[in-house]
Amino acid sequence: MKLNKIFLLDDDPIVNVINEQLFRKYNAAKQYIICRTSQEAIDYITKAEPLPEIVIIDLNIPLTNGFAFLEKFYDRFVNNLSVYILTSSVNPEDYNKAMSYPFVKGYLKKPLTRDIVQKIIAEN
């Protein structure tokens, strides 16, 4: 089943291009929304109707961090979409905090791979 929207938030433009291409390879969604800053992401998510089915975010993003982003949209995200954290952080505290959100379905280590993309698609 093809999703309507996949949302990617990472401050590295190369990472965003690679991640989008991986999802496109599997024809996963009709639309891909890419943001590089938390403000871009906040502006988009605030107005988005419908929400993307999948949100993939880096924890270390300019102006704020991934956790602040998750907190801001907690009520909007819960029971509405699947969030995957894509990060280089190996801090167990980051993992535990991320997985405490009911809508976070995975804590993934960079880089995203074909196997991980296939798993995300299968779960959604």
PDB file of N, CA and C in Angstrom:
ATOM      1  N   MET A   1       0.839  -1.190   0.000  1.00  0.00           N
ATOM      2  CA  MET A   1       0.000   0.000   0.000  1.00  0.00           C
ATOM      3  C   MET A   1       0.878   1.245   0.000  1.00  0.00           C
ATOM      4  N   LYS A   2       0.616   2.155  -0.874  1.00  0.00           N
ATOM      5  CA  LYS A   2       1.383   3.381  -0.977  1.00  0.00           C
ATOM      6  C   LYS A   2       0.860   4.402   0.032  1.00  0.00           C
ATOM      7  N   LEU A   3       1.781   5.011   0.768  1.00  0.00           N
ATOM      8  CA  LEU A   3       1.425   6.044   1.742  1.00  0.00           C
ATOM      9  C   LEU A   3       1.199   7.364   1.028  1.00  0.00           C
ATOM     10  N   ASN A   4       0.469   8.268   1.678  1.00  0.00           N
ATOM     11  CA  ASN A   4       0.284   9.598   1.106  1.00  0.00           C
ATOM     12  C   ASN A   4       1.530  10.451   1.263  1.00  0.00           C
ATOM     13  N   LYS A   5       2.060  10.524   2.525  1.00  0.00           N
ATOM     14  CA  LYS A   5       3.185  11.426   2.781  1.00  0.00           C
ATOM     15  C   LYS A   5       4.198  10.797   3.738  1.00  0.00           C
ATOM     16  N   ILE A   6       5.453  11.055   3.434  1.00  0.00           N
ATOM     17  CA  ILE A   6       6.553  10.750   4.347  1.00  0.00           C
ATOM     18  C   ILE A   6       7.282  12.057   4.607  1.00  0.00           C
ATOM     19  N   PHE A   7       7.526  12.335   5.868  1.00  0.00           N
ATOM     20  CA  PHE A   7       8.157  13.583   6.309  1.00  0.00           C
ATOM     21  C   PHE A   7       9.566  13.278   6.802  1.00  0.00           C
ATOM     22  N   LEU A   8      10.558  13.993   6.272  1.00  0.00           N
ATOM     23  CA  LEU A   8      11.960  13.800   6.644  1.00  0.00           C
ATOM     24  C   LEU A   8      12.513  15.103   7.222  1.00  0.00           C
ATOM     25  N   LEU A   9      13.101  15.017   8.404  1.00  0.00           N
ATOM     26  CA  LEU A   9      13.698  16.196   9.043  1.00  0.00           C
ATOM     27  C   LEU A   9      15.135  15.887   9.421  1.00  0.00           C
ATOM     28  N   ASP A  10      16.064  16.507   8.704  1.00  0.00           N
ATOM     29  CA  ASP A  10      17.489  16.381   8.992  1.00  0.00           C
ATOM     30  C   ASP A  10      18.159  17.642   8.460  1.00  0.00           C
ATOM     31  N   ASP A  11      19.122  18.177   9.199  1.00  0.00           N
ATOM     32  CA  ASP A  11      19.779  19.408   8.771  1.00  0.00           C
ATOM     33  C   ASP A  11      20.813  19.180   7.670  1.00  0.00           C
ATOM     34  N   ASP A  12      21.145  17.935   7.391  1.00  0.00           N
ATOM     35  CA  ASP A  12      22.119  17.621   6.357  1.00  0.00           C
ATOM     36  C   ASP A  12      21.393  17.369   5.030  1.00  0.00           C
ATOM     37  N   PRO A  13      21.577  18.254   4.045  1.00  0.00           N
ATOM     38  CA  PRO A  13      20.851  18.087   2.775  1.00  0.00           C
ATOM     39  C   PRO A  13      21.201  16.800   2.042  1.00  0.00           C
ATOM     40  N   ILE A  14      22.433  16.331   2.189  1.00  0.00           N
ATOM     41  CA  ILE A  14      22.828  15.088   1.524  1.00  0.00           C
ATOM     42  C   ILE A  14      22.086  13.903   2.137  1.00  0.00           C
ATOM     43  N   VAL A  15      21.977  13.888   3.446  1.00  0.00           N
ATOM     44  CA  VAL A  15      21.227  12.826   4.131  1.00  0.00           C
ATOM     45  C   VAL A  15      19.780  12.834   3.662  1.00  0.00           C
ATOM     46  N   ASN A  16      19.185  14.016   3.540  1.00  0.00           N
ATOM     47  CA  ASN A  16      17.795  14.111   3.086  1.00  0.00           C
ATOM     48  C   ASN A  16      17.619  13.553   1.670  1.00  0.00           C
ATOM     49  N   VAL A  17      18.542  13.881   0.779  1.00  0.00           N
ATOM     50  CA  VAL A  17      18.448  13.390  -0.602  1.00  0.00           C
ATOM     51  C   VAL A  17      18.567  11.868  -0.625  1.00  0.00           C
ATOM     52  N   ILE A  18      19.533  11.340   0.092  1.00  0.00           N
ATOM     53  CA  ILE A  18      19.728   9.885   0.120  1.00  0.00           C
ATOM     54  C   ILE A  18      18.499   9.190   0.703  1.00  0.00           C
ATOM     55  N   ASN A  19      17.982   9.713   1.822  1.00  0.00           N
ATOM     56  CA  ASN A  19      16.822   9.086   2.460  1.00  0.00           C
ATOM     57  C   ASN A  19      15.594   9.145   1.556  1.00  0.00           C
ATOM     58  N   GLU A  20      15.377  10.278   0.931  1.00  0.00           N
ATOM     59  CA  GLU A  20      14.236  10.386   0.016  1.00  0.00           C
ATOM     60  C   GLU A  20      14.376   9.385  -1.132  1.00  0.00           C
ATOM     61  N   GLN A  21      15.563   9.276  -1.703  1.00  0.00           N
ATOM     62  CA  GLN A  21      15.777   8.352  -2.815  1.00  0.00           C
ATOM     63  C   GLN A  21      15.555   6.901  -2.395  1.00  0.00           C
ATOM     64  N   LEU A  22      15.960   6.554  -1.174  1.00  0.00           N
ATOM     65  CA  LEU A  22      15.719   5.193  -0.688  1.00  0.00           C
ATOM     66  C   LEU A  22      14.223   4.885  -0.627  1.00  0.00           C
ATOM     67  N   PHE A  23      13.450   5.821  -0.109  1.00  0.00           N
ATOM     68  CA  PHE A  23      11.997   5.598  -0.052  1.00  0.00           C
ATOM     69  C   PHE A  23      11.388   5.605  -1.456  1.00  0.00           C
ATOM     70  N   ARG A  24      11.860   6.477  -2.324  1.00  0.00           N
ATOM     71  CA  ARG A  24      11.341   6.522  -3.693  1.00  0.00           C
ATOM     72  C   ARG A  24      11.622   5.218  -4.441  1.00  0.00           C
ATOM     73  N   LYS A  25      12.755   4.615  -4.154  1.00  0.00           N
ATOM     74  CA  LYS A  25      13.107   3.359  -4.812  1.00  0.00           C
ATOM     75  C   LYS A  25      12.012   2.310  -4.603  1.00  0.00           C
ATOM     76  N   TYR A  26      11.359   2.356  -3.460  1.00  0.00           N
ATOM     77  CA  TYR A  26      10.290   1.399  -3.142  1.00  0.00           C
ATOM     78  C   TYR A  26       8.904   1.993  -3.368  1.00  0.00           C
ATOM     79  N   ASN A  27       8.865   3.173  -4.010  1.00  0.00           N
ATOM     80  CA  ASN A  27       7.587   3.799  -4.330  1.00  0.00           C
ATOM     81  C   ASN A  27       6.686   3.857  -3.093  1.00  0.00           C
ATOM     82  N   ALA A  28       7.280   4.294  -1.977  1.00  0.00           N
ATOM     83  CA  ALA A  28       6.622   4.212  -0.676  1.00  0.00           C
ATOM     84  C   ALA A  28       5.516   5.238  -0.476  1.00  0.00           C
ATOM     85  N   ALA A  29       5.641   6.402  -1.099  1.00  0.00           N
ATOM     86  CA  ALA A  29       4.659   7.463  -0.836  1.00  0.00           C
ATOM     87  C   ALA A  29       4.400   8.286  -2.090  1.00  0.00           C
ATOM     88  N   LYS A  30       3.274   8.957  -2.055  1.00  0.00           N
ATOM     89  CA  LYS A  30       2.924   9.873  -3.150  1.00  0.00           C
ATOM     90  C   LYS A  30       3.700  11.177  -3.033  1.00  0.00           C
ATOM     91  N   GLN A  31       4.010  11.577  -1.776  1.00  0.00           N
ATOM     92  CA  GLN A  31       4.652  12.869  -1.542  1.00  0.00           C
ATOM     93  C   GLN A  31       5.704  12.737  -0.442  1.00  0.00           C
ATOM     94  N   TYR A  32       6.806  13.473  -0.619  1.00  0.00           N
ATOM     95  CA  TYR A  32       7.886  13.500   0.372  1.00  0.00           C
ATOM     96  C   TYR A  32       8.085  14.945   0.801  1.00  0.00           C
ATOM     97  N   ILE A  33       8.023  15.186   2.094  1.00  0.00           N
ATOM     98  CA  ILE A  33       8.219  16.520   2.635  1.00  0.00           C
ATOM     99  C   ILE A  33       9.562  16.508   3.336  1.00  0.00           C
ATOM    100  N   ILE A  34      10.438  17.430   2.954  1.00  0.00           N
ATOM    101  CA  ILE A  34      11.779  17.486   3.523  1.00  0.00           C
ATOM    102  C   ILE A  34      11.988  18.849   4.174  1.00  0.00           C
ATOM    103  N   CYS A  35      12.413  18.808   5.439  1.00  0.00           N
ATOM    104  CA  CYS A  35      12.738  20.034   6.170  1.00  0.00           C
ATOM    105  C   CYS A  35      14.147  19.911   6.721  1.00  0.00           C
ATOM    106  N   ARG A  36      14.838  21.057   6.788  1.00  0.00           N
ATOM    107  CA  ARG A  36      16.213  21.068   7.292  1.00  0.00           C
ATOM    108  C   ARG A  36      16.331  21.736   8.655  1.00  0.00           C
ATOM    109  N   THR A  37      15.333  22.487   9.070  1.00  0.00           N
ATOM    110  CA  THR A  37      15.383  23.142  10.375  1.00  0.00           C
ATOM    111  C   THR A  37      14.114  22.837  11.154  1.00  0.00           C
ATOM    112  N   SER A  38      14.215  22.995  12.452  1.00  0.00           N
ATOM    113  CA  SER A  38      13.033  22.756  13.271  1.00  0.00           C
ATOM    114  C   SER A  38      11.930  23.763  12.940  1.00  0.00           C
ATOM    115  N   GLN A  39      12.291  24.995  12.588  1.00  0.00           N
ATOM    116  CA  GLN A  39      11.261  25.987  12.274  1.00  0.00           C
ATOM    117  C   GLN A  39      10.500  25.613  11.009  1.00  0.00           C
ATOM    118  N   GLU A  40      11.207  25.152   9.988  1.00  0.00           N
ATOM    119  CA  GLU A  40      10.529  24.667   8.779  1.00  0.00           C
ATOM    120  C   GLU A  40       9.571  23.535   9.126  1.00  0.00           C
ATOM    121  N   ALA A  41      10.047  22.615   9.957  1.00  0.00           N
ATOM    122  CA  ALA A  41       9.243  21.455  10.341  1.00  0.00           C
ATOM    123  C   ALA A  41       8.021  21.876  11.149  1.00  0.00           C
ATOM    124  N   ILE A  42       8.211  22.789  12.083  1.00  0.00           N
ATOM    125  CA  ILE A  42       7.094  23.283  12.901  1.00  0.00           C
ATOM    126  C   ILE A  42       6.055  23.955  12.011  1.00  0.00           C
ATOM    127  N   ASP A  43       6.516  24.805  11.093  1.00  0.00           N
ATOM    128  CA  ASP A  43       5.591  25.500  10.182  1.00  0.00           C
ATOM    129  C   ASP A  43       4.783  24.489   9.366  1.00  0.00           C
ATOM    130  N   TYR A  44       5.443  23.440   8.876  1.00  0.00           N
ATOM    131  CA  TYR A  44       4.738  22.455   8.068  1.00  0.00           C
ATOM    132  C   TYR A  44       3.749  21.636   8.905  1.00  0.00           C
ATOM    133  N   ILE A  45       4.211  21.060   9.987  1.00  0.00           N
ATOM    134  CA  ILE A  45       3.374  20.161  10.795  1.00  0.00           C
ATOM    135  C   ILE A  45       2.185  20.912  11.394  1.00  0.00           C
ATOM    136  N   THR A  46       2.382  22.164  11.745  1.00  0.00           N
ATOM    137  CA  THR A  46       1.291  22.963  12.325  1.00  0.00           C
ATOM    138  C   THR A  46       0.109  23.044  11.373  1.00  0.00           C
ATOM    139  N   LYS A  47       0.387  23.137  10.073  1.00  0.00           N
ATOM    140  CA  LYS A  47      -0.667  23.342   9.074  1.00  0.00           C
ATOM    141  C   LYS A  47      -1.060  22.078   8.315  1.00  0.00           C
ATOM    142  N   ALA A  48      -0.290  21.018   8.445  1.00  0.00           N
ATOM    143  CA  ALA A  48      -0.481  19.824   7.613  1.00  0.00           C
ATOM    144  C   ALA A  48      -1.817  19.146   7.867  1.00  0.00           C
ATOM    145  N   GLU A  49      -2.562  18.948   6.802  1.00  0.00           N
ATOM    146  CA  GLU A  49      -3.805  18.179   6.814  1.00  0.00           C
ATOM    147  C   GLU A  49      -3.887  17.419   5.501  1.00  0.00           C
ATOM    148  N   PRO A  50      -3.868  16.144   5.526  1.00  0.00           N
ATOM    149  CA  PRO A  50      -3.635  15.290   6.684  1.00  0.00           C
ATOM    150  C   PRO A  50      -2.157  15.254   7.044  1.00  0.00           C
ATOM    151  N   LEU A  51      -1.877  14.744   8.227  1.00  0.00           N
ATOM    152  CA  LEU A  51      -0.494  14.566   8.650  1.00  0.00           C
ATOM    153  C   LEU A  51       0.168  13.474   7.811  1.00  0.00           C
ATOM    154  N   PRO A  52       1.486  13.536   7.693  1.00  0.00           N
ATOM    155  CA  PRO A  52       2.177  12.414   7.049  1.00  0.00           C
ATOM    156  C   PRO A  52       1.978  11.148   7.875  1.00  0.00           C
ATOM    157  N   GLU A  53       1.995  10.009   7.230  1.00  0.00           N
ATOM    158  CA  GLU A  53       1.864   8.755   7.973  1.00  0.00           C
ATOM    159  C   GLU A  53       3.155   8.392   8.695  1.00  0.00           C
ATOM    160  N   ILE A  54       4.278   8.809   8.108  1.00  0.00           N
ATOM    161  CA  ILE A  54       5.593   8.512   8.683  1.00  0.00           C
ATOM    162  C   ILE A  54       6.375   9.811   8.832  1.00  0.00           C
ATOM    163  N   VAL A  55       6.998   9.982  10.001  1.00  0.00           N
ATOM    164  CA  VAL A  55       7.888  11.104  10.276  1.00  0.00           C
ATOM    165  C   VAL A  55       9.235  10.508  10.673  1.00  0.00           C
ATOM    166  N   ILE A  56      10.289  10.940   9.991  1.00  0.00           N
ATOM    167  CA  ILE A  56      11.638  10.483  10.314  1.00  0.00           C
ATOM    168  C   ILE A  56      12.457  11.711  10.671  1.00  0.00           C
ATOM    169  N   ILE A  57      12.950  11.737  11.920  1.00  0.00           N
ATOM    170  CA  ILE A  57      13.666  12.930  12.368  1.00  0.00           C
ATOM    171  C   ILE A  57      15.013  12.585  12.989  1.00  0.00           C
ATOM    172  N   ASP A  58      15.929  13.525  12.829  1.00  0.00           N
ATOM    173  CA  ASP A  58      17.216  13.482  13.493  1.00  0.00           C
ATOM    174  C   ASP A  58      17.036  14.140  14.862  1.00  0.00           C
ATOM    175  N   LEU A  59      17.769  13.695  15.851  1.00  0.00           N
ATOM    176  CA  LEU A  59      17.679  14.319  17.184  1.00  0.00           C
ATOM    177  C   LEU A  59      18.398  15.654  17.226  1.00  0.00           C
ATOM    178  N   ASN A  60      19.463  15.788  16.458  1.00  0.00           N
ATOM    179  CA  ASN A  60      20.273  17.012  16.484  1.00  0.00           C
ATOM    180  C   ASN A  60      19.952  17.866  15.273  1.00  0.00           C
ATOM    181  N   ILE A  61      19.011  18.793  15.477  1.00  0.00           N
ATOM    182  CA  ILE A  61      18.596  19.677  14.396  1.00  0.00           C
ATOM    183  C   ILE A  61      18.754  21.126  14.853  1.00  0.00           C
ATOM    184  N   PRO A  62      19.015  22.041  13.927  1.00  0.00           N
ATOM    185  CA  PRO A  62      19.236  23.442  14.300  1.00  0.00           C
ATOM    186  C   PRO A  62      18.040  24.071  15.011  1.00  0.00           C
ATOM    187  N   LEU A  63      18.342  24.958  15.908  1.00  0.00           N
ATOM    188  CA  LEU A  63      17.413  25.791  16.672  1.00  0.00           C
ATOM    189  C   LEU A  63      16.762  25.070  17.850  1.00  0.00           C
ATOM    190  N   THR A  64      16.669  23.773  17.792  1.00  0.00           N
ATOM    191  CA  THR A  64      16.079  22.998  18.879  1.00  0.00           C
ATOM    192  C   THR A  64      16.635  21.585  18.759  1.00  0.00           C
ATOM    193  N   ASN A  65      15.991  20.625  19.361  1.00  0.00           N
ATOM    194  CA  ASN A  65      16.399  19.243  19.130  1.00  0.00           C
ATOM    195  C   ASN A  65      15.163  18.413  18.840  1.00  0.00           C
ATOM    196  N   GLY A  66      15.395  17.181  18.450  1.00  0.00           N
ATOM    197  CA  GLY A  66      14.283  16.310  18.089  1.00  0.00           C
ATOM    198  C   GLY A  66      13.299  16.099  19.224  1.00  0.00           C
ATOM    199  N   PHE A  67      13.793  16.070  20.451  1.00  0.00           N
ATOM    200  CA  PHE A  67      12.893  15.868  21.592  1.00  0.00           C
ATOM    201  C   PHE A  67      11.952  17.052  21.779  1.00  0.00           C
ATOM    202  N   ALA A  68      12.449  18.263  21.621  1.00  0.00           N
ATOM    203  CA  ALA A  68      11.587  19.440  21.730  1.00  0.00           C
ATOM    204  C   ALA A  68      10.510  19.422  20.647  1.00  0.00           C
ATOM    205  N   PHE A  69      10.886  18.977  19.462  1.00  0.00           N
ATOM    206  CA  PHE A  69       9.936  18.843  18.353  1.00  0.00           C
ATOM    207  C   PHE A  69       8.849  17.826  18.703  1.00  0.00           C
ATOM    208  N   LEU A  70       9.241  16.680  19.254  1.00  0.00           N
ATOM    209  CA  LEU A  70       8.263  15.657  19.643  1.00  0.00           C
ATOM    210  C   LEU A  70       7.332  16.164  20.736  1.00  0.00           C
ATOM    211  N   GLU A  71       7.877  16.893  21.688  1.00  0.00           N
ATOM    212  CA  GLU A  71       7.053  17.449  22.774  1.00  0.00           C
ATOM    213  C   GLU A  71       6.035  18.440  22.231  1.00  0.00           C
ATOM    214  N   LYS A  72       6.483  19.307  21.337  1.00  0.00           N
ATOM    215  CA  LYS A  72       5.593  20.344  20.793  1.00  0.00           C
ATOM    216  C   LYS A  72       4.372  19.731  20.112  1.00  0.00           C
ATOM    217  N   PHE A  73       4.568  18.603  19.454  1.00  0.00           N
ATOM    218  CA  PHE A  73       3.476  17.997  18.690  1.00  0.00           C
ATOM    219  C   PHE A  73       2.951  16.700  19.305  1.00  0.00           C
ATOM    220  N   TYR A  74       3.222  16.489  20.577  1.00  0.00           N
ATOM    221  CA  TYR A  74       2.815  15.238  21.230  1.00  0.00           C
ATOM    222  C   TYR A  74       1.333  14.938  20.972  1.00  0.00           C
ATOM    223  N   ASP A  75       0.458  15.879  21.290  1.00  0.00           N
ATOM    224  CA  ASP A  75      -0.989  15.646  21.145  1.00  0.00           C
ATOM    225  C   ASP A  75      -1.388  15.426  19.691  1.00  0.00           C
ATOM    226  N   ARG A  76      -0.709  16.078  18.778  1.00  0.00           N
ATOM    227  CA  ARG A  76      -1.031  15.946  17.355  1.00  0.00           C
ATOM    228  C   ARG A  76      -0.526  14.608  16.795  1.00  0.00           C
ATOM    229  N   PHE A  77       0.578  14.107  17.351  1.00  0.00           N
ATOM    230  CA  PHE A  77       1.183  12.877  16.842  1.00  0.00           C
ATOM    231  C   PHE A  77       0.571  11.612  17.425  1.00  0.00           C
ATOM    232  N   VAL A  78       0.222  11.636  18.702  1.00  0.00           N
ATOM    233  CA  VAL A  78      -0.205  10.413  19.370  1.00  0.00           C
ATOM    234  C   VAL A  78      -1.432   9.837  18.656  1.00  0.00           C
ATOM    235  N   ASN A  79      -1.383   8.565  18.357  1.00  0.00           N
ATOM    236  CA  ASN A  79      -2.447   7.831  17.650  1.00  0.00           C
ATOM    237  C   ASN A  79      -2.674   8.266  16.210  1.00  0.00           C
ATOM    238  N   ASN A  80      -1.807   9.108  15.655  1.00  0.00           N
ATOM    239  CA  ASN A  80      -2.020   9.614  14.303  1.00  0.00           C
ATOM    240  C   ASN A  80      -0.945   9.243  13.300  1.00  0.00           C
ATOM    241  N   LEU A  81       0.255   8.912  13.763  1.00  0.00           N
ATOM    242  CA  LEU A  81       1.335   8.635  12.825  1.00  0.00           C
ATOM    243  C   LEU A  81       2.445   7.852  13.501  1.00  0.00           C
ATOM    244  N   SER A  82       3.402   7.439  12.703  1.00  0.00           N
ATOM    245  CA  SER A  82       4.569   6.702  13.192  1.00  0.00           C
ATOM    246  C   SER A  82       5.800   7.580  13.053  1.00  0.00           C
ATOM    247  N   VAL A  83       6.542   7.731  14.148  1.00  0.00           N
ATOM    248  CA  VAL A  83       7.781   8.497  14.138  1.00  0.00           C
ATOM    249  C   VAL A  83       8.945   7.535  14.288  1.00  0.00           C
ATOM    250  N   TYR A  84       9.972   7.778  13.485  1.00  0.00           N
ATOM    251  CA  TYR A  84      11.216   7.031  13.589  1.00  0.00           C
ATOM    252  C   TYR A  84      12.334   8.045  13.821  1.00  0.00           C
ATOM    253  N   ILE A  85      13.125   7.807  14.851  1.00  0.00           N
ATOM    254  CA  ILE A  85      14.283   8.643  15.130  1.00  0.00           C
ATOM    255  C   ILE A  85      15.447   8.067  14.328  1.00  0.00           C
ATOM    256  N   LEU A  86      16.076   8.897  13.520  1.00  0.00           N
ATOM    257  CA  LEU A  86      17.240   8.492  12.745  1.00  0.00           C
ATOM    258  C   LEU A  86      18.402   9.351  13.226  1.00  0.00           C
ATOM    259  N   THR A  87      19.360   8.741  13.911  1.00  0.00           N
ATOM    260  CA  THR A  87      20.369   9.518  14.599  1.00  0.00           C
ATOM    261  C   THR A  87      21.728   8.840  14.606  1.00  0.00           C
ATOM    262  N   SER A  88      22.740   9.618  14.906  1.00  0.00           N
ATOM    263  CA  SER A  88      24.083   9.068  15.124  1.00  0.00           C
ATOM    264  C   SER A  88      24.350   8.902  16.618  1.00  0.00           C
ATOM    265  N   SER A  89      23.413   9.313  17.452  1.00  0.00           N
ATOM    266  CA  SER A  89      23.587   9.223  18.900  1.00  0.00           C
ATOM    267  C   SER A  89      23.574   7.768  19.367  1.00  0.00           C
ATOM    268  N   VAL A  90      24.557   7.426  20.180  1.00  0.00           N
ATOM    269  CA  VAL A  90      24.609   6.091  20.785  1.00  0.00           C
ATOM    270  C   VAL A  90      24.344   6.185  22.294  1.00  0.00           C
ATOM    271  N   ASN A  91      23.877   7.331  22.736  1.00  0.00           N
ATOM    272  CA  ASN A  91      23.584   7.565  24.147  1.00  0.00           C
ATOM    273  C   ASN A  91      22.346   6.765  24.559  1.00  0.00           C
ATOM    274  N   PRO A  92      22.484   5.861  25.536  1.00  0.00           N
ATOM    275  CA  PRO A  92      21.323   5.066  25.969  1.00  0.00           C
ATOM    276  C   PRO A  92      20.183   5.924  26.532  1.00  0.00           C
ATOM    277  N   GLU A  93      20.523   7.077  27.087  1.00  0.00           N
ATOM    278  CA  GLU A  93      19.476   7.975  27.594  1.00  0.00           C
ATOM    279  C   GLU A  93      18.628   8.516  26.454  1.00  0.00           C
ATOM    280  N   ASP A  94      19.255   8.839  25.329  1.00  0.00           N
ATOM    281  CA  ASP A  94      18.502   9.296  24.155  1.00  0.00           C
ATOM    282  C   ASP A  94      17.562   8.197  23.673  1.00  0.00           C
ATOM    283  N   TYR A  95      18.070   6.973  23.608  1.00  0.00           N
ATOM    284  CA  TYR A  95      17.244   5.845  23.179  1.00  0.00           C
ATOM    285  C   TYR A  95      16.037   5.676  24.103  1.00  0.00           C
ATOM    286  N   ASN A  96      16.279   5.638  25.406  1.00  0.00           N
ATOM    287  CA  ASN A  96      15.192   5.438  26.373  1.00  0.00           C
ATOM    288  C   ASN A  96      14.167   6.559  26.307  1.00  0.00           C
ATOM    289  N   LYS A  97      14.645   7.784  26.197  1.00  0.00           N
ATOM    290  CA  LYS A  97      13.714   8.916  26.112  1.00  0.00           C
ATOM    291  C   LYS A  97      12.883   8.845  24.829  1.00  0.00           C
ATOM    292  N   ALA A  98      13.548   8.562  23.718  1.00  0.00           N
ATOM    293  CA  ALA A  98      12.832   8.488  22.433  1.00  0.00           C
ATOM    294  C   ALA A  98      11.763   7.409  22.458  1.00  0.00           C
ATOM    295  N   MET A  99      12.115   6.253  22.990  1.00  0.00           N
ATOM    296  CA  MET A  99      11.183   5.129  22.976  1.00  0.00           C
ATOM    297  C   MET A  99      10.063   5.275  24.011  1.00  0.00           C
ATOM    298  N   SER A 100      10.151   6.294  24.863  1.00  0.00           N
ATOM    299  CA  SER A 100       9.079   6.528  25.836  1.00  0.00           C
ATOM    300  C   SER A 100       7.863   7.201  25.197  1.00  0.00           C
ATOM    301  N   TYR A 101       8.033   7.757  24.006  1.00  0.00           N
ATOM    302  CA  TYR A 101       6.909   8.364  23.288  1.00  0.00           C
ATOM    303  C   TYR A 101       6.114   7.253  22.615  1.00  0.00           C
ATOM    304  N   PRO A 102       4.809   7.203  22.818  1.00  0.00           N
ATOM    305  CA  PRO A 102       4.020   6.093  22.270  1.00  0.00           C
ATOM    306  C   PRO A 102       3.993   6.038  20.739  1.00  0.00           C
ATOM    307  N   PHE A 103       4.247   7.136  20.087  1.00  0.00           N
ATOM    308  CA  PHE A 103       4.205   7.170  18.624  1.00  0.00           C
ATOM    309  C   PHE A 103       5.570   6.911  17.990  1.00  0.00           C
ATOM    310  N   VAL A 104       6.640   6.840  18.792  1.00  0.00           N
ATOM    311  CA  VAL A 104       7.966   6.520  18.247  1.00  0.00           C
ATOM    312  C   VAL A 104       8.045   5.015  18.058  1.00  0.00           C
ATOM    313  N   LYS A 105       8.166   4.600  16.821  1.00  0.00           N
ATOM    314  CA  LYS A 105       8.158   3.180  16.466  1.00  0.00           C
ATOM    315  C   LYS A 105       9.551   2.606  16.293  1.00  0.00           C
ATOM    316  N   GLY A 106      10.569   3.474  16.231  1.00  0.00           N
ATOM    317  CA  GLY A 106      11.916   2.959  16.070  1.00  0.00           C
ATOM    318  C   GLY A 106      12.973   4.001  16.336  1.00  0.00           C
ATOM    319  N   TYR A 107      14.106   3.549  16.833  1.00  0.00           N
ATOM    320  CA  TYR A 107      15.293   4.378  17.079  1.00  0.00           C
ATOM    321  C   TYR A 107      16.372   3.799  16.180  1.00  0.00           C
ATOM    322  N   LEU A 108      16.654   4.482  15.090  1.00  0.00           N
ATOM    323  CA  LEU A 108      17.499   3.947  14.034  1.00  0.00           C
ATOM    324  C   LEU A 108      18.836   4.664  13.984  1.00  0.00           C
ATOM    325  N   LYS A 109      19.888   3.907  13.784  1.00  0.00           N
ATOM    326  CA  LYS A 109      21.231   4.474  13.663  1.00  0.00           C
ATOM    327  C   LYS A 109      21.479   4.876  12.210  1.00  0.00           C
ATOM    328  N   LYS A 110      22.050   6.063  12.025  1.00  0.00           N
ATOM    329  CA  LYS A 110      22.436   6.495  10.680  1.00  0.00           C
ATOM    330  C   LYS A 110      23.550   5.607  10.179  1.00  0.00           C
ATOM    331  N   PRO A 111      23.615   5.357   8.888  1.00  0.00           N
ATOM    332  CA  PRO A 111      22.725   5.829   7.838  1.00  0.00           C
ATOM    333  C   PRO A 111      21.526   4.895   7.650  1.00  0.00           C
ATOM    334  N   LEU A 112      20.509   5.441   7.031  1.00  0.00           N
ATOM    335  CA  LEU A 112      19.352   4.641   6.658  1.00  0.00           C
ATOM    336  C   LEU A 112      19.779   3.659   5.564  1.00  0.00           C
ATOM    337  N   THR A 113      19.279   2.446   5.632  1.00  0.00           N
ATOM    338  CA  THR A 113      19.636   1.420   4.643  1.00  0.00           C
ATOM    339  C   THR A 113      18.382   0.901   3.946  1.00  0.00           C
ATOM    340  N   ARG A 114      18.582   0.162   2.880  1.00  0.00           N
ATOM    341  CA  ARG A 114      17.448  -0.439   2.168  1.00  0.00           C
ATOM    342  C   ARG A 114      16.650  -1.366   3.080  1.00  0.00           C
ATOM    343  N   ASP A 115      17.349  -2.152   3.887  1.00  0.00           N
ATOM    344  CA  ASP A 115      16.653  -3.078   4.789  1.00  0.00           C
ATOM    345  C   ASP A 115      15.778  -2.324   5.789  1.00  0.00           C
ATOM    346  N   ILE A 116      16.290  -1.224   6.320  1.00  0.00           N
ATOM    347  CA  ILE A 116      15.516  -0.440   7.287  1.00  0.00           C
ATOM    348  C   ILE A 116      14.310   0.197   6.600  1.00  0.00           C
ATOM    349  N   VAL A 117      14.509   0.726   5.403  1.00  0.00           N
ATOM    350  CA  VAL A 117      13.397   1.331   4.654  1.00  0.00           C
ATOM    351  C   VAL A 117      12.317   0.285   4.389  1.00  0.00           C
ATOM    352  N   GLN A 118      12.718  -0.906   3.985  1.00  0.00           N
ATOM    353  CA  GLN A 118      11.742  -1.951   3.728  1.00  0.00           C
ATOM    354  C   GLN A 118      10.981  -2.302   5.003  1.00  0.00           C
ATOM    355  N   LYS A 119      11.659  -2.329   6.137  1.00  0.00           N
ATOM    356  CA  LYS A 119      11.009  -2.631   7.417  1.00  0.00           C
ATOM    357  C   LYS A 119      10.002  -1.527   7.788  1.00  0.00           C
ATOM    358  N   ILE A 120      10.402  -0.271   7.611  1.00  0.00           N
ATOM    359  CA  ILE A 120       9.500   0.847   7.911  1.00  0.00           C
ATOM    360  C   ILE A 120       8.258   0.758   7.038  1.00  0.00           C
ATOM    361  N   ILE A 121       8.440   0.522   5.760  1.00  0.00           N
ATOM    362  CA  ILE A 121       7.293   0.413   4.847  1.00  0.00           C
ATOM    363  C   ILE A 121       6.382  -0.728   5.260  1.00  0.00           C
ATOM    364  N   ALA A 122       6.960  -1.868   5.596  1.00  0.00           N
ATOM    365  CA  ALA A 122       6.158  -3.037   5.993  1.00  0.00           C
ATOM    366  C   ALA A 122       5.364  -2.771   7.266  1.00  0.00           C
ATOM    367  N   GLU A 123       5.910  -1.983   8.184  1.00  0.00           N
ATOM    368  CA  GLU A 123       5.233  -1.691   9.447  1.00  0.00           C
ATOM    369  C   GLU A 123       4.092  -0.702   9.297  1.00  0.00           C
ATOM    370  N   ASN A 124       4.066  -0.004   8.179  1.00  0.00           N
ATOM    371  CA  ASN A 124       3.069   1.050   8.011  1.00  0.00           C
ATOM    372  C   ASN A 124       2.158   0.746   6.831  1.00  0.00           C
TER     373      ASN A 124
END
